[in-house]
Amino acid sequence: MASIKRSHILLLSVPFLLLIPFIGMQISDEVNWSTFDFLVMGVLLIMLALSIELTLKIFKSNKARLIFIGLILFLFFLIWAELAVGVFGTPFAGN
């Protein structure tokens, strides 16, 4: 029962996190997201939430959980940075 609640909380947090750039767009002209940007970030956040939930279900050791969740977060932030500013200059980021 607890994992069902946790997964629902993780998935329901995605729209609330996407409200941050949406509100930023209303306040400032410097935040300029398209519908595609919201879609991509929504998919990334859902994948992040589901992979964290899967990691918590698979691994029972707190050390293993911490390592794999840290790795997942690292990969998420790398993809996010590449999409945002093109850190590595790949075609993935539109460069």
N, C-alpha and C. Protein backbone atom coordinates (compact mmCIF):
# COMPACT_ATOMS: atom_id res chain seq x y z
N MET A 1 0.82 -1.20 0.00
CA MET A 1 0.00 0.00 0.00
C MET A 1 0.86 1.26 0.00
N ALA A 2 1.97 1.22 0.74
CA ALA A 2 2.82 2.40 0.82
C ALA A 2 3.47 2.72 -0.53
N SER A 3 3.85 1.68 -1.29
CA SER A 3 4.48 1.94 -2.58
C SER A 3 3.47 2.51 -3.58
N ILE A 4 2.21 2.13 -3.45
CA ILE A 4 1.19 2.70 -4.33
C ILE A 4 1.04 4.18 -4.04
N LYS A 5 1.01 4.53 -2.79
CA LYS A 5 0.91 5.95 -2.44
C LYS A 5 2.14 6.72 -2.90
N ARG A 6 3.32 6.11 -2.73
CA ARG A 6 4.56 6.79 -3.12
C ARG A 6 4.59 7.02 -4.62
N SER A 7 4.20 6.03 -5.40
CA SER A 7 4.23 6.19 -6.85
C SER A 7 3.21 7.22 -7.31
N HIS A 8 2.05 7.25 -6.66
CA HIS A 8 1.06 8.27 -7.01
C HIS A 8 1.58 9.66 -6.69
N ILE A 9 2.23 9.79 -5.56
CA ILE A 9 2.78 11.10 -5.17
C ILE A 9 3.85 11.53 -6.17
N LEU A 10 4.73 10.59 -6.55
CA LEU A 10 5.78 10.91 -7.52
C LEU A 10 5.19 11.35 -8.85
N LEU A 11 4.19 10.61 -9.33
CA LEU A 11 3.60 10.95 -10.63
C LEU A 11 2.75 12.21 -10.58
N LEU A 12 2.06 12.44 -9.46
CA LEU A 12 1.25 13.65 -9.35
C LEU A 12 2.10 14.90 -9.13
N SER A 13 3.35 14.72 -8.73
CA SER A 13 4.23 15.88 -8.56
C SER A 13 4.69 16.46 -9.88
N VAL A 14 4.62 15.68 -10.96
CA VAL A 14 5.09 16.14 -12.28
C VAL A 14 4.34 17.38 -12.75
N PRO A 15 2.98 17.39 -12.75
CA PRO A 15 2.30 18.61 -13.20
C PRO A 15 2.61 19.82 -12.32
N PHE A 16 2.80 19.59 -11.03
CA PHE A 16 3.12 20.71 -10.15
C PHE A 16 4.51 21.25 -10.43
N LEU A 17 5.46 20.39 -10.76
CA LEU A 17 6.80 20.86 -11.14
C LEU A 17 6.76 21.62 -12.46
N LEU A 18 5.88 21.20 -13.38
CA LEU A 18 5.76 21.90 -14.66
C LEU A 18 5.06 23.25 -14.51
N LEU A 19 4.41 23.46 -13.38
CA LEU A 19 3.81 24.77 -13.12
C LEU A 19 4.87 25.85 -12.92
N ILE A 20 6.07 25.46 -12.48
CA ILE A 20 7.13 26.44 -12.22
C ILE A 20 7.50 27.21 -13.48
N PRO A 21 7.87 26.53 -14.59
CA PRO A 21 8.16 27.32 -15.80
C PRO A 21 6.92 28.00 -16.38
N PHE A 22 5.74 27.38 -16.20
CA PHE A 22 4.52 28.00 -16.72
C PHE A 22 4.26 29.33 -16.02
N ILE A 23 4.40 29.36 -14.71
CA ILE A 23 4.23 30.61 -13.96
C ILE A 23 5.34 31.59 -14.32
N GLY A 24 6.57 31.06 -14.51
CA GLY A 24 7.68 31.92 -14.93
C GLY A 24 7.42 32.59 -16.25
N MET A 25 6.73 31.89 -17.16
CA MET A 25 6.39 32.48 -18.46
C MET A 25 5.39 33.62 -18.30
N GLN A 26 4.54 33.55 -17.29
CA GLN A 26 3.55 34.60 -17.06
C GLN A 26 4.20 35.84 -16.45
N ILE A 27 5.27 35.64 -15.69
CA ILE A 27 5.90 36.73 -14.96
C ILE A 27 6.98 37.42 -15.79
N SER A 28 7.76 36.63 -16.56
CA SER A 28 8.92 37.17 -17.25
C SER A 28 8.93 36.73 -18.71
N ASP A 29 9.53 37.57 -19.55
CA ASP A 29 9.70 37.22 -20.95
C ASP A 29 10.94 36.34 -21.17
N GLU A 30 11.77 36.18 -20.13
CA GLU A 30 12.99 35.40 -20.26
C GLU A 30 12.71 33.90 -20.22
N VAL A 31 11.58 33.50 -19.68
CA VAL A 31 11.19 32.08 -19.69
C VAL A 31 10.29 31.89 -20.89
N ASN A 32 10.75 31.08 -21.85
CA ASN A 32 10.02 30.92 -23.10
C ASN A 32 9.99 29.44 -23.48
N TRP A 33 9.01 28.72 -22.96
CA TRP A 33 8.88 27.30 -23.24
C TRP A 33 7.77 27.10 -24.26
N SER A 34 8.00 26.18 -25.17
CA SER A 34 6.95 25.81 -26.12
C SER A 34 6.19 24.61 -25.56
N THR A 35 5.13 24.23 -26.25
CA THR A 35 4.37 23.05 -25.84
C THR A 35 5.26 21.82 -25.88
N PHE A 36 6.13 21.75 -26.88
CA PHE A 36 7.05 20.63 -27.00
C PHE A 36 8.00 20.56 -25.80
N ASP A 37 8.47 21.72 -25.31
CA ASP A 37 9.34 21.75 -24.14
C ASP A 37 8.63 21.17 -22.91
N PHE A 38 7.37 21.54 -22.73
CA PHE A 38 6.60 21.00 -21.61
C PHE A 38 6.41 19.50 -21.76
N LEU A 39 6.16 19.05 -22.98
CA LEU A 39 5.97 17.63 -23.24
C LEU A 39 7.25 16.84 -22.94
N VAL A 40 8.37 17.32 -23.44
CA VAL A 40 9.65 16.63 -23.22
C VAL A 40 9.98 16.60 -21.73
N MET A 41 9.83 17.72 -21.04
CA MET A 41 10.16 17.74 -19.62
C MET A 41 9.19 16.87 -18.83
N GLY A 42 7.93 16.84 -19.23
CA GLY A 42 6.96 15.97 -18.57
C GLY A 42 7.35 14.51 -18.71
N VAL A 43 7.77 14.12 -19.91
CA VAL A 43 8.21 12.74 -20.13
C VAL A 43 9.46 12.44 -19.31
N LEU A 44 10.41 13.36 -19.29
CA LEU A 44 11.62 13.16 -18.50
C LEU A 44 11.30 13.01 -17.01
N LEU A 45 10.41 13.85 -16.51
CA LEU A 45 10.06 13.77 -15.09
C LEU A 45 9.31 12.49 -14.76
N ILE A 46 8.43 12.05 -15.65
CA ILE A 46 7.72 10.79 -15.43
C ILE A 46 8.70 9.63 -15.45
N MET A 47 9.63 9.64 -16.40
CA MET A 47 10.65 8.58 -16.44
C MET A 47 11.51 8.59 -15.18
N LEU A 48 11.84 9.78 -14.69
CA LEU A 48 12.61 9.90 -13.46
C LEU A 48 11.83 9.30 -12.29
N ALA A 49 10.56 9.67 -12.17
CA ALA A 49 9.74 9.17 -11.07
C ALA A 49 9.59 7.66 -11.13
N LEU A 50 9.32 7.13 -12.31
CA LEU A 50 9.14 5.68 -12.44
C LEU A 50 10.44 4.91 -12.20
N SER A 51 11.56 5.45 -12.65
CA SER A 51 12.83 4.76 -12.42
C SER A 51 13.23 4.79 -10.95
N ILE A 52 12.93 5.88 -10.25
CA ILE A 52 13.19 5.92 -8.81
C ILE A 52 12.28 4.92 -8.09
N GLU A 53 11.03 4.86 -8.47
CA GLU A 53 10.10 3.91 -7.86
C GLU A 53 10.56 2.47 -8.11
N LEU A 54 10.99 2.18 -9.32
CA LEU A 54 11.47 0.84 -9.65
C LEU A 54 12.72 0.50 -8.84
N THR A 55 13.62 1.45 -8.70
CA THR A 55 14.83 1.25 -7.90
C THR A 55 14.48 0.95 -6.45
N LEU A 56 13.52 1.68 -5.90
CA LEU A 56 13.12 1.45 -4.52
C LEU A 56 12.46 0.08 -4.34
N LYS A 57 11.79 -0.41 -5.37
CA LYS A 57 11.16 -1.73 -5.28
C LYS A 57 12.18 -2.86 -5.44
N ILE A 58 13.15 -2.68 -6.32
CA ILE A 58 14.10 -3.75 -6.63
C ILE A 58 15.13 -3.93 -5.53
N PHE A 59 15.73 -2.84 -5.08
CA PHE A 59 16.84 -2.92 -4.13
C PHE A 59 16.34 -2.74 -2.71
N LYS A 60 16.78 -3.62 -1.84
CA LYS A 60 16.38 -3.55 -0.43
C LYS A 60 17.43 -2.87 0.43
N SER A 61 18.67 -2.88 -0.04
CA SER A 61 19.75 -2.26 0.70
C SER A 61 19.72 -0.74 0.49
N ASN A 62 19.82 0.00 1.58
CA ASN A 62 19.82 1.46 1.48
C ASN A 62 21.02 1.97 0.69
N LYS A 63 22.16 1.27 0.82
CA LYS A 63 23.36 1.69 0.09
C LYS A 63 23.14 1.53 -1.41
N ALA A 64 22.59 0.41 -1.83
CA ALA A 64 22.33 0.19 -3.26
C ALA A 64 21.30 1.18 -3.77
N ARG A 65 20.27 1.43 -2.98
CA ARG A 65 19.25 2.41 -3.38
C ARG A 65 19.87 3.78 -3.59
N LEU A 66 20.71 4.19 -2.65
CA LEU A 66 21.34 5.50 -2.73
C LEU A 66 22.23 5.61 -3.97
N ILE A 67 22.99 4.57 -4.26
CA ILE A 67 23.89 4.59 -5.42
C ILE A 67 23.09 4.67 -6.71
N PHE A 68 22.07 3.83 -6.85
CA PHE A 68 21.32 3.81 -8.11
C PHE A 68 20.45 5.06 -8.28
N ILE A 69 19.86 5.55 -7.22
CA ILE A 69 19.07 6.79 -7.33
C ILE A 69 20.00 7.96 -7.65
N GLY A 70 21.19 7.96 -7.06
CA GLY A 70 22.18 9.00 -7.39
C GLY A 70 22.57 8.94 -8.86
N LEU A 71 22.76 7.73 -9.38
CA LEU A 71 23.09 7.56 -10.80
C LEU A 71 21.94 8.02 -11.69
N ILE A 72 20.73 7.68 -11.32
CA ILE A 72 19.54 8.10 -12.08
C ILE A 72 19.43 9.62 -12.09
N LEU A 73 19.61 10.25 -10.93
CA LEU A 73 19.54 11.71 -10.86
C LEU A 73 20.66 12.36 -11.67
N PHE A 74 21.86 11.78 -11.63
CA PHE A 74 22.97 12.30 -12.41
C PHE A 74 22.65 12.28 -13.91
N LEU A 75 22.13 11.15 -14.39
CA LEU A 75 21.76 11.04 -15.80
C LEU A 75 20.64 12.01 -16.16
N PHE A 76 19.66 12.16 -15.27
CA PHE A 76 18.58 13.11 -15.51
C PHE A 76 19.12 14.53 -15.65
N PHE A 77 20.00 14.93 -14.75
CA PHE A 77 20.54 16.29 -14.81
C PHE A 77 21.43 16.50 -16.03
N LEU A 78 22.16 15.46 -16.45
CA LEU A 78 22.95 15.57 -17.68
C LEU A 78 22.06 15.79 -18.91
N ILE A 79 20.99 15.01 -19.00
CA ILE A 79 20.07 15.16 -20.13
C ILE A 79 19.39 16.52 -20.08
N TRP A 80 18.99 16.95 -18.90
CA TRP A 80 18.33 18.24 -18.74
C TRP A 80 19.27 19.38 -19.15
N ALA A 81 20.52 19.32 -18.70
CA ALA A 81 21.48 20.37 -19.05
C ALA A 81 21.75 20.39 -20.55
N GLU A 82 21.85 19.21 -21.14
CA GLU A 82 22.10 19.14 -22.59
C GLU A 82 20.93 19.73 -23.36
N LEU A 83 19.71 19.42 -22.95
CA LEU A 83 18.55 19.97 -23.64
C LEU A 83 18.41 21.47 -23.41
N ALA A 84 18.79 21.94 -22.23
CA ALA A 84 18.61 23.35 -21.89
C ALA A 84 19.63 24.25 -22.58
N VAL A 85 20.91 23.90 -22.49
CA VAL A 85 21.94 24.80 -23.00
C VAL A 85 22.94 24.15 -23.94
N GLY A 86 22.81 22.86 -24.20
CA GLY A 86 23.73 22.19 -25.11
C GLY A 86 25.14 22.10 -24.57
N VAL A 87 25.30 21.57 -23.37
CA VAL A 87 26.60 21.47 -22.72
C VAL A 87 27.62 20.73 -23.59
N PHE A 88 27.20 19.68 -24.24
CA PHE A 88 28.11 18.86 -25.02
C PHE A 88 28.04 19.17 -26.52
N GLY A 89 27.11 20.00 -26.93
CA GLY A 89 27.00 20.40 -28.32
C GLY A 89 26.54 19.28 -29.25
N THR A 90 25.71 18.39 -28.77
CA THR A 90 25.22 17.29 -29.59
C THR A 90 24.00 17.74 -30.41
N PRO A 91 23.69 17.02 -31.47
CA PRO A 91 22.47 17.32 -32.23
C PRO A 91 21.20 17.12 -31.40
N PHE A 92 21.34 16.33 -30.34
CA PHE A 92 20.25 16.07 -29.41
C PHE A 92 19.71 17.39 -28.83
N ALA A 93 20.61 18.36 -28.64
CA ALA A 93 20.24 19.64 -28.06
C ALA A 93 19.86 20.68 -29.11
N GLY A 94 19.92 20.31 -30.36
CA GLY A 94 19.57 21.23 -31.42
C GLY A 94 20.73 22.04 -31.95
N ASN A 95 21.94 21.66 -31.58
CA ASN A 95 23.13 22.38 -32.07
C ASN A 95 23.55 21.87 -33.43
